[in-house]
N, C-alpha and C. Protein backbone atom coordinates (compact mmCIF):
# COMPACT_ATOMS: atom_id res chain seq x y z
N MET A 1 -42.91 -0.10 -7.91
CA MET A 1 -41.80 -1.19 -7.99
C MET A 1 -40.31 -0.87 -8.19
N CYS A 2 -39.47 -1.53 -8.12
CA CYS A 2 -38.23 -0.94 -7.67
C CYS A 2 -37.44 -1.58 -9.10
N SER A 3 -36.05 -0.17 -9.27
CA SER A 3 -35.89 -0.20 -10.47
C SER A 3 -34.27 -0.56 -10.36
N PHE A 4 -33.85 -1.90 -10.65
CA PHE A 4 -32.52 -2.00 -10.40
C PHE A 4 -32.11 -3.22 -11.26
N SER A 5 -30.48 -3.25 -11.57
CA SER A 5 -29.98 -4.15 -12.28
C SER A 5 -29.08 -5.05 -12.07
N PRO A 6 -28.73 -6.19 -12.31
CA PRO A 6 -27.47 -6.65 -11.79
C PRO A 6 -25.77 -5.28 -12.44
N HIS A 7 -26.54 -4.76 -13.09
CA HIS A 7 -25.42 -3.75 -13.73
C HIS A 7 -25.09 -2.91 -12.96
N ARG A 8 -26.44 -2.08 -12.72
CA ARG A 8 -27.03 -0.69 -11.26
C ARG A 8 -25.73 -1.46 -10.26
N VAL A 9 -25.76 -2.76 -9.83
CA VAL A 9 -25.02 -3.70 -8.28
C VAL A 9 -23.61 -2.95 -8.86
N GLN A 10 -23.21 -3.58 -9.69
CA GLN A 10 -21.54 -3.94 -9.94
C GLN A 10 -21.36 -2.13 -10.44
N GLU A 11 -21.74 -1.68 -10.52
CA GLU A 11 -21.70 0.26 -10.48
C GLU A 11 -20.85 0.59 -8.71
N LEU A 12 -22.15 0.00 -8.00
CA LEU A 12 -22.14 0.50 -7.31
C LEU A 12 -21.25 -0.15 -6.44
N ARG A 13 -21.05 -1.31 -6.49
CA ARG A 13 -19.21 -1.95 -5.92
C ARG A 13 -18.56 -1.12 -6.40
N ASP A 14 -18.21 -1.13 -8.08
CA ASP A 14 -16.81 -0.19 -8.82
C ASP A 14 -17.06 1.11 -7.96
N ALA A 15 -17.62 1.67 -7.86
CA ALA A 15 -17.97 3.33 -6.38
C ALA A 15 -17.30 2.98 -4.99
N ALA A 16 -18.00 1.95 -4.50
CA ALA A 16 -17.08 1.59 -3.59
C ALA A 16 -16.17 1.27 -3.55
N ALA A 17 -15.16 0.22 -4.90
CA ALA A 17 -13.97 0.24 -4.57
C ALA A 17 -12.91 1.08 -4.76
N SER A 18 -13.60 2.25 -5.88
CA SER A 18 -12.74 3.65 -5.95
C SER A 18 -12.84 4.18 -4.70
N LEU A 19 -13.42 4.40 -3.96
CA LEU A 19 -13.30 5.35 -3.26
C LEU A 19 -12.22 4.40 -2.03
N GLU A 20 -12.40 3.38 -1.56
CA GLU A 20 -11.06 2.45 -1.43
C GLU A 20 -10.24 2.77 -1.55
N ILE A 21 -9.99 2.58 -2.92
CA ILE A 21 -8.66 3.12 -3.19
C ILE A 21 -8.22 4.64 -3.34
N GLU A 22 -9.16 5.81 -3.46
CA GLU A 22 -8.88 7.37 -3.01
C GLU A 22 -8.42 7.32 -2.04
N LYS A 23 -9.35 6.16 -0.82
CA LYS A 23 -8.54 6.73 0.37
C LYS A 23 -7.22 6.28 0.72
N GLU A 24 -7.11 4.83 0.59
CA GLU A 24 -5.60 4.74 0.31
C GLU A 24 -4.43 5.63 -0.21
N SER A 25 -4.97 5.85 -1.62
CA SER A 25 -4.13 6.98 -1.21
C SER A 25 -3.67 8.42 -1.03
N LEU A 26 -4.89 8.95 -0.56
CA LEU A 26 -4.73 10.06 0.42
C LEU A 26 -4.05 10.00 1.30
N ILE A 27 -4.25 8.53 2.77
CA ILE A 27 -3.73 8.53 3.38
C ILE A 27 -1.79 8.24 2.84
N GLU A 28 -1.75 7.30 1.77
CA GLU A 28 0.31 7.47 1.82
C GLU A 28 0.38 8.70 1.14
N LYS A 29 -0.57 9.53 1.08
CA LYS A 29 0.08 11.47 0.16
C LYS A 29 0.01 11.97 1.83
N ILE A 30 -0.87 11.66 3.33
CA ILE A 30 -0.64 12.39 3.86
C ILE A 30 1.08 11.89 4.57
N HIS A 31 1.15 10.67 5.04
CA HIS A 31 2.04 9.93 5.19
C HIS A 31 3.48 10.37 4.40
N SER A 32 3.10 10.59 3.22
CA SER A 32 4.53 10.98 2.36
C SER A 32 5.06 12.43 2.89
N VAL A 33 4.05 13.67 3.57
CA VAL A 33 3.56 14.91 3.39
C VAL A 33 4.46 14.72 5.00
N GLN A 34 4.23 14.00 6.04
CA GLN A 34 4.63 13.40 7.28
C GLN A 34 6.47 13.31 7.30
N ASN A 35 6.10 12.18 6.41
CA ASN A 35 7.77 11.64 6.98
C ASN A 35 8.52 12.40 5.36
N SER A 36 8.57 13.85 5.12
CA SER A 36 9.25 13.79 3.86
C SER A 36 10.57 14.81 4.41
N GLN A 37 11.70 14.77 3.73
CA GLN A 37 12.64 15.52 3.74
C GLN A 37 12.81 17.09 3.99
N ASP A 38 11.44 17.51 3.07
CA ASP A 38 11.48 18.68 3.12
C ASP A 38 10.22 19.32 4.44
N MET A 39 9.73 18.25 5.52
CA MET A 39 9.66 18.83 7.01
C MET A 39 10.38 19.09 7.36
N ARG A 40 11.62 18.48 7.13
CA ARG A 40 12.71 19.24 8.27
C ARG A 40 13.89 20.76 7.65
N ASN A 41 13.37 21.07 6.62
CA ASN A 41 14.20 22.16 5.88
C ASN A 41 13.40 23.33 5.89
N ILE A 42 12.25 23.25 6.78
CA ILE A 42 11.65 24.07 6.93
C ILE A 42 11.06 24.92 8.48
N SER A 43 10.91 25.83 8.58
CA SER A 43 11.14 26.68 9.44
C SER A 43 10.46 25.45 10.73
N ASP A 44 10.77 25.89 11.94
CA ASP A 44 10.16 25.64 12.95
C ASP A 44 8.20 25.85 13.27
N GLY A 45 7.72 27.34 12.94
CA GLY A 45 6.59 28.00 12.80
C GLY A 45 5.66 26.96 11.82
N GLU A 46 6.46 26.57 10.73
CA GLU A 46 5.88 26.24 9.11
C GLU A 46 5.88 24.66 8.98
N ARG A 47 6.78 23.65 10.01
CA ARG A 47 6.48 22.45 10.43
C ARG A 47 5.30 22.28 11.06
N GLU A 48 4.89 22.41 12.62
CA GLU A 48 4.13 23.11 13.29
C GLU A 48 3.29 22.75 12.81
N GLU A 49 2.68 24.17 11.44
CA GLU A 49 2.15 23.80 11.50
C GLU A 49 1.57 23.45 10.17
N LEU A 50 2.11 22.76 9.32
CA LEU A 50 2.22 21.79 8.46
C LEU A 50 1.52 20.40 8.92
N THR A 51 2.42 20.24 10.55
CA THR A 51 2.45 19.05 11.35
C THR A 51 0.86 18.95 11.67
N ILE A 52 0.42 19.74 12.29
CA ILE A 52 -1.21 19.81 12.74
C ILE A 52 -2.04 20.00 11.69
N THR A 53 -1.82 20.36 9.61
CA THR A 53 -2.70 19.90 8.93
C THR A 53 -3.26 18.84 8.85
N ALA A 54 -1.60 18.53 8.93
CA ALA A 54 -2.08 17.05 8.17
C ALA A 54 -2.01 16.48 9.16
N ASP A 55 -1.57 16.03 9.73
CA ASP A 55 -2.68 15.01 11.45
C ASP A 55 -4.04 15.25 11.38
N ARG A 56 -4.55 16.46 11.19
CA ARG A 56 -6.25 17.26 11.12
C ARG A 56 -7.09 16.21 10.03
N LEU A 57 -5.66 16.54 8.96
CA LEU A 57 -6.27 16.01 7.48
C LEU A 57 -6.66 14.41 7.40
N MET A 58 -5.18 13.67 7.99
CA MET A 58 -5.47 12.17 8.54
C MET A 58 -6.25 11.77 9.17
N ASN A 59 -6.84 12.04 10.44
CA ASN A 59 -7.91 11.39 10.93
C ASN A 59 -8.76 12.03 10.65
N ARG A 60 -9.04 13.20 9.36
CA ARG A 60 -10.86 12.85 9.26
C ARG A 60 -10.76 12.29 8.25
N THR A 61 -9.39 11.64 7.60
CA THR A 61 -9.71 10.45 6.35
C THR A 61 -9.77 9.08 6.92
N LEU A 62 -9.75 9.19 8.71
CA LEU A 62 -9.29 7.46 8.93
C LEU A 62 -10.87 7.40 9.11
N THR A 63 -11.39 8.55 9.24
CA THR A 63 -12.94 8.16 9.95
C THR A 63 -14.12 7.80 8.67
N VAL A 64 -13.68 8.00 7.50
CA VAL A 64 -14.23 7.18 6.48
C VAL A 64 -13.97 6.09 6.42
N GLU A 65 -15.04 5.21 6.53
CA GLU A 65 -15.31 3.92 6.33
C GLU A 65 -15.91 3.17 5.19
N VAL A 66 -15.62 2.25 4.68
CA VAL A 66 -15.73 1.93 3.08
C VAL A 66 -15.58 0.67 3.16
N SER A 67 -16.63 0.09 3.40
CA SER A 67 -17.44 -1.14 3.58
C SER A 67 -17.47 -2.03 2.02
N LEU A 68 -16.50 -3.36 1.33
CA LEU A 68 -17.01 -3.45 0.24
C LEU A 68 -16.45 -5.39 0.62
N GLU A 69 -17.68 -5.87 1.47
CA GLU A 69 -17.43 -7.10 1.59
C GLU A 69 -17.05 -8.04 -0.11
N THR A 70 -15.96 -9.05 0.10
CA THR A 70 -15.46 -10.20 -1.32
C THR A 70 -16.23 -11.74 -0.30
N ILE A 71 -17.01 -11.88 -1.46
CA ILE A 71 -17.66 -13.39 -1.20
C ILE A 71 -16.30 -14.22 -2.10
N ARG A 72 -15.81 -15.01 -0.33
CA ARG A 72 -15.21 -16.37 -0.83
C ARG A 72 -15.53 -17.55 -0.21
N ASN A 73 -15.26 -18.55 -1.07
CA ASN A 73 -14.64 -19.46 -0.47
C ASN A 73 -14.43 -20.08 1.23
N PRO A 74 -14.90 -20.99 1.27
CA PRO A 74 -13.23 -22.00 2.37
C PRO A 74 -12.17 -21.73 1.75
N GLN A 75 -11.51 -21.93 0.86
CA GLN A 75 -10.16 -22.24 -0.15
C GLN A 75 -9.39 -20.33 -0.50
N GLN A 76 -10.58 -19.67 0.17
CA GLN A 76 -10.20 -18.54 -0.98
C GLN A 76 -9.99 -17.39 0.39
N ALA A 77 -10.77 -17.69 1.05
CA ALA A 77 -10.67 -17.32 2.78
C ALA A 77 -9.12 -17.94 3.07
N THR A 78 -9.04 -19.47 3.42
CA THR A 78 -7.35 -19.01 3.65
C THR A 78 -6.57 -19.27 2.94
N ALA A 79 -6.72 -18.68 1.74
CA ALA A 79 -5.24 -18.45 0.57
C ALA A 79 -5.43 -17.21 1.31
N LEU A 80 -6.29 -16.39 1.56
CA LEU A 80 -5.84 -15.11 1.61
C LEU A 80 -5.45 -14.83 2.92
N GLN A 81 -5.61 -15.53 4.35
CA GLN A 81 -4.88 -15.40 5.40
C GLN A 81 -3.70 -15.63 5.51
N HIS A 82 -3.20 -16.88 3.96
CA HIS A 82 -2.14 -17.43 4.01
C HIS A 82 -1.19 -16.13 3.58
N ALA A 83 -1.26 -15.51 1.90
CA ALA A 83 -0.80 -14.73 0.93
C ALA A 83 -1.01 -13.40 2.60
N THR A 84 -1.87 -13.02 3.18
CA THR A 84 -1.43 -12.11 3.94
C THR A 84 -0.35 -12.29 4.75
N ALA A 85 -0.23 -13.36 5.94
CA ALA A 85 0.69 -13.80 6.71
C ALA A 85 2.32 -13.70 5.82
N VAL A 86 2.19 -14.44 4.50
CA VAL A 86 3.67 -13.62 3.67
C VAL A 86 3.86 -11.99 3.52
N ILE A 87 3.22 -11.22 3.90
CA ILE A 87 3.24 -10.11 3.60
C ILE A 87 3.55 -9.49 4.53
N ASP A 88 3.40 -9.96 5.33
CA ASP A 88 3.13 -8.73 7.29
C ASP A 88 4.49 -9.66 7.51
N GLU A 89 4.82 -10.49 7.13
CA GLU A 89 6.07 -10.95 8.01
C GLU A 89 7.31 -10.01 7.18
N ILE A 90 7.13 -10.01 5.69
CA ILE A 90 8.40 -9.94 4.74
C ILE A 90 8.75 -8.11 5.39
N ALA A 91 7.19 -7.59 5.10
CA ALA A 91 6.98 -6.14 6.21
C ALA A 91 7.25 -6.28 7.44
N LYS A 92 7.57 -6.67 9.04
CA LYS A 92 8.31 -6.68 9.66
C LYS A 92 9.91 -6.30 8.92
N LYS A 93 10.09 -7.24 8.40
CA LYS A 93 11.64 -6.85 8.59
C LYS A 93 12.60 -6.70 7.66
N VAL A 94 10.95 -5.95 7.17
CA VAL A 94 11.56 -4.47 6.24
C VAL A 94 12.45 -3.50 6.88
N THR A 95 11.88 -2.79 7.59
CA THR A 95 13.04 -2.35 8.80
C THR A 95 14.71 -2.74 8.90
N ASP A 96 15.00 -4.21 9.11
CA ASP A 96 15.74 -4.41 9.32
C ASP A 96 16.60 -4.56 8.22
N ASN A 97 16.35 -4.00 6.61
CA ASN A 97 17.31 -4.62 5.67
C ASN A 97 16.43 -4.07 4.53
N LEU A 98 15.99 -2.82 3.98
CA LEU A 98 15.69 -2.30 3.34
C LEU A 98 15.50 -3.47 1.96
N GLU A 99 16.44 -3.33 1.64
CA GLU A 99 16.79 -3.90 0.20
C GLU A 99 16.37 -4.92 0.17
N THR A 100 17.13 -5.86 0.96
CA THR A 100 16.74 -7.95 1.12
C THR A 100 14.83 -7.41 0.81
N GLY A 101 14.19 -6.74 2.02
CA GLY A 101 12.62 -6.40 2.45
C GLY A 101 12.09 -6.09 0.69
N ARG A 102 13.07 -5.38 0.64
CA ARG A 102 12.02 -4.23 -0.97
C ARG A 102 12.01 -5.41 -2.08
N LYS A 103 13.32 -6.67 -2.08
CA LYS A 103 13.80 -7.29 -3.11
C LYS A 103 12.60 -8.52 -3.15
N GLN A 104 12.09 -9.30 -1.98
CA GLN A 104 10.77 -10.08 -1.90
C GLN A 104 9.90 -9.21 -2.07
N LEU A 105 9.50 -8.30 -1.75
CA LEU A 105 8.52 -7.67 -1.92
C LEU A 105 7.73 -7.76 -3.59
N ILE A 106 9.13 -7.45 -4.17
CA ILE A 106 9.16 -6.57 -5.92
C ILE A 106 8.88 -8.77 -6.63
N SER A 107 9.69 -9.30 -6.17
CA SER A 107 8.95 -10.78 -6.16
C SER A 107 8.51 -11.23 -6.56
N LEU A 108 7.73 -11.09 -4.69
CA LEU A 108 6.01 -11.01 -4.81
C LEU A 108 4.75 -9.82 -5.63
N TYR A 109 5.22 -9.72 -5.67
CA TYR A 109 4.35 -8.49 -6.55
C TYR A 109 4.68 -9.10 -8.07
N GLY A 110 5.84 -9.14 -8.35
CA GLY A 110 6.16 -10.27 -9.74
C GLY A 110 4.73 -11.19 -9.41
N ALA A 111 4.69 -12.27 -8.51
CA ALA A 111 3.24 -13.15 -8.82
C ALA A 111 2.37 -12.89 -8.84
N CYS A 112 2.03 -11.26 -8.82
CA CYS A 112 0.36 -11.73 -9.09
C CYS A 112 0.41 -10.24 -10.45
N THR A 113 1.17 -9.85 -11.35
CA THR A 113 1.05 -9.03 -12.30
C THR A 113 1.25 -10.32 -13.49
N SER A 114 0.60 -10.14 -15.07
CA SER A 114 1.09 -11.11 -16.22
C SER A 114 1.77 -10.69 -16.89
N ASP A 115 2.63 -9.53 -16.05
CA ASP A 115 3.78 -8.84 -17.05
C ASP A 115 5.23 -9.42 -17.48
N ILE A 116 5.48 -10.29 -18.04
CA ILE A 116 6.48 -10.92 -18.24
C ILE A 116 7.88 -10.15 -18.09
N ASN A 117 8.09 -8.95 -17.73
CA ASN A 117 9.19 -8.16 -17.85
C ASN A 117 8.98 -7.40 -16.33
N GLN A 118 8.40 -8.02 -15.45
CA GLN A 118 8.49 -6.99 -14.31
C GLN A 118 9.36 -7.60 -13.37
N GLY A 119 9.98 -8.73 -13.62
CA GLY A 119 11.09 -9.46 -12.64
C GLY A 119 11.14 -10.71 -11.75
N PRO A 120 11.65 -10.90 -10.48
CA PRO A 120 11.20 -12.01 -10.28
C PRO A 120 9.97 -12.20 -9.43
N ILE A 121 9.42 -13.53 -9.71
CA ILE A 121 8.44 -14.25 -9.56
C ILE A 121 8.59 -15.34 -7.96
N ASP A 122 8.18 -14.96 -7.63
CA ASP A 122 7.81 -15.71 -6.19
C ASP A 122 7.05 -16.88 -6.70
N GLN A 123 7.39 -17.72 -6.98
CA GLN A 123 6.83 -19.02 -7.42
C GLN A 123 5.45 -19.17 -6.53
N LYS A 124 6.68 -20.28 -5.36
CA LYS A 124 5.05 -20.24 -3.86
C LYS A 124 4.05 -19.46 -4.02
N PHE A 125 4.26 -17.92 -4.10
CA PHE A 125 3.28 -17.18 -3.16
C PHE A 125 2.11 -16.90 -4.52
N GLN A 126 2.47 -16.60 -5.61
CA GLN A 126 2.28 -17.34 -6.90
C GLN A 126 1.11 -17.89 -6.96
N SER A 127 1.09 -19.68 -6.69
CA SER A 127 0.31 -20.63 -6.16
C SER A 127 -0.56 -20.01 -5.08
N ILE A 128 0.09 -18.99 -4.29
CA ILE A 128 -1.24 -19.29 -3.47
C ILE A 128 -1.83 -17.32 -3.52
N ILE A 129 -1.76 -16.93 -4.45
CA ILE A 129 -2.52 -15.73 -5.10
C ILE A 129 -3.58 -15.99 -6.13
N ILE A 130 -3.10 -17.38 -6.49
CA ILE A 130 -3.99 -17.60 -7.37
C ILE A 130 -5.52 -18.60 -6.84
N GLY A 131 -5.35 -18.86 -5.64
CA GLY A 131 -6.54 -19.61 -4.74
C GLY A 131 -7.27 -18.06 -4.57
N CYS A 132 -6.29 -17.32 -4.20
CA CYS A 132 -7.34 -15.83 -3.62
C CYS A 132 -8.38 -15.50 -4.32
N ALA A 133 -9.69 -15.05 -4.08
CA ALA A 133 -10.77 -13.88 -4.87
C ALA A 133 -9.92 -13.49 -6.02
N LEU A 134 -10.47 -13.19 -7.03
CA LEU A 134 -9.76 -11.94 -7.96
C LEU A 134 -9.67 -10.58 -7.15
N GLU A 135 -10.72 -10.33 -6.24
CA GLU A 135 -11.14 -8.91 -5.65
C GLU A 135 -10.10 -8.94 -5.10
N ASP A 136 -9.36 -9.80 -3.55
CA ASP A 136 -8.24 -9.50 -2.77
C ASP A 136 -7.28 -9.91 -3.42
N GLN A 137 -7.02 -10.10 -5.09
CA GLN A 137 -5.95 -10.09 -6.07
C GLN A 137 -5.61 -9.08 -6.22
N LYS A 138 -6.31 -8.15 -6.55
CA LYS A 138 -6.19 -6.89 -6.76
C LYS A 138 -5.66 -5.85 -5.45
N LYS A 139 -6.61 -6.51 -4.12
CA LYS A 139 -6.04 -5.95 -3.38
C LYS A 139 -5.00 -5.99 -3.16
N ILE A 140 -4.15 -7.19 -3.02
CA ILE A 140 -3.08 -7.77 -2.81
C ILE A 140 -2.20 -6.87 -3.72
N LYS A 141 -1.98 -6.96 -4.63
CA LYS A 141 -1.46 -6.46 -5.50
C LYS A 141 -1.06 -4.27 -5.13
N ARG A 142 -2.04 -3.91 -4.82
CA ARG A 142 -2.32 -2.76 -4.13
C ARG A 142 -1.79 -2.58 -2.92
N ARG A 143 -1.64 -3.39 -2.15
CA ARG A 143 -0.81 -3.13 -0.49
C ARG A 143 0.65 -3.62 -1.64
N LEU A 144 0.74 -4.20 -2.35
CA LEU A 144 2.53 -4.71 -2.19
C LEU A 144 2.82 -3.62 -3.55
N GLU A 145 2.47 -2.56 -4.63
CA GLU A 145 2.38 -1.21 -4.45
C GLU A 145 3.10 -0.76 -3.91
N MET A 146 2.15 -0.37 -3.29
CA MET A 146 2.19 0.75 -1.94
C MET A 146 3.72 0.85 -1.03
N LEU A 147 3.79 -0.72 -0.82
CA LEU A 147 4.99 -1.06 0.48
C LEU A 147 6.12 -1.13 -0.36
N ILE A 148 5.99 -1.15 -1.60
CA ILE A 148 7.25 -1.08 -2.49
C ILE A 148 7.82 0.44 -2.49
N ARG A 149 6.41 1.22 -2.80
CA ARG A 149 6.17 3.07 -3.15
C ARG A 149 7.17 3.97 -1.53
N ASN A 150 6.74 2.90 -0.34
CA ASN A 150 7.40 3.64 0.59
C ASN A 150 8.41 3.24 1.14
N ILE A 151 8.83 1.99 0.81
CA ILE A 151 10.44 1.62 0.42
C ILE A 151 11.56 2.41 -0.08
N ASP A 152 11.28 3.14 -1.48
CA ASP A 152 11.02 3.19 -2.52
C ASP A 152 11.62 5.35 -1.70
N HIS A 153 10.60 6.27 -0.65
CA HIS A 153 10.41 6.97 -0.87
C HIS A 153 11.34 7.19 0.71
N SER A 154 11.47 5.62 1.63
CA SER A 154 12.44 5.71 2.77
C SER A 154 13.94 6.10 2.26
N GLU A 155 14.46 5.24 0.97
CA GLU A 155 15.84 4.89 1.17
C GLU A 155 15.99 6.13 0.40
N LYS A 156 15.12 7.14 -0.48
CA LYS A 156 15.18 8.80 -0.62
C LYS A 156 15.59 9.46 -0.12
N SER A 157 14.69 9.11 1.60
CA SER A 157 15.05 9.92 2.00
C SER A 157 16.53 9.86 3.47
N ILE A 158 16.76 8.49 2.88
CA ILE A 158 18.33 8.05 4.02
C ILE A 158 19.52 8.30 2.82
N THR A 159 18.85 8.80 1.80
CA THR A 159 20.05 9.43 0.78
C THR A 159 20.14 10.17 1.02
N LEU A 160 19.03 10.75 1.37
CA LEU A 160 19.44 12.22 1.81
C LEU A 160 20.24 13.09 2.47
N LEU A 161 19.38 12.30 3.96
CA LEU A 161 20.16 12.41 4.70
C LEU A 161 21.97 12.40 5.25
N ASP A 162 21.85 11.32 4.04
CA ASP A 162 23.54 11.02 4.53
C ASP A 162 24.11 11.94 3.89
N GLN A 163 23.86 12.64 2.32
CA GLN A 163 24.51 13.24 1.46
C GLN A 163 24.62 14.75 2.67
N GLN A 164 23.43 14.99 3.10
CA GLN A 164 23.79 16.16 4.04
C GLN A 164 24.92 16.09 5.01
N LYS A 165 24.68 14.65 5.77
CA LYS A 165 25.63 14.53 7.32
C LYS A 165 26.93 14.28 6.44
N GLN A 166 27.35 14.32 4.96
CA GLN A 166 28.31 14.87 3.95
C GLN A 166 29.20 15.67 4.12
N LYS A 167 27.60 16.53 3.67
CA LYS A 167 28.30 18.11 3.33
C LYS A 167 28.83 18.37 4.73
N LYS A 168 28.10 18.06 6.10
CA LYS A 168 28.50 19.21 7.55
C LYS A 168 29.95 18.42 7.71
N HIS A 169 30.00 17.48 7.10
CA HIS A 169 31.69 17.12 7.34
C HIS A 169 32.90 17.12 7.21
């Protein structure tokens, strides 16, 4: 007789979701090291060794496949597609104007959280998010957090480069 319970199934789903989050975190950290301002301040030999190690770790991390399917009805699937398209569109524009893109992403993030002090809220996006499955809402929120962090890191790198240029002149 097989012993299982709804509780055990949920534990399995939670473990898979946790692994998915951990993978995203590792990729973000490796990417951060690869694009770090500190990489420009070390010797060529150290930089090459660190780059090789980071590339190897990134490739190994990307071989991990975590698949956690979200059960959604047709309306939830449509809402997810719409929300993803909105985020993708803003993410493409971020390279043109970091600050404007950051503000837009923050207003999308505000639509995903119940924290009143979060800042501006994109009401239209909030109505889209409400139509998504709960698991999709959490993933969208995590993605927005990651995009905002990446912009913040980019802005810091740009500021450091500007400061270095000013010191040379």
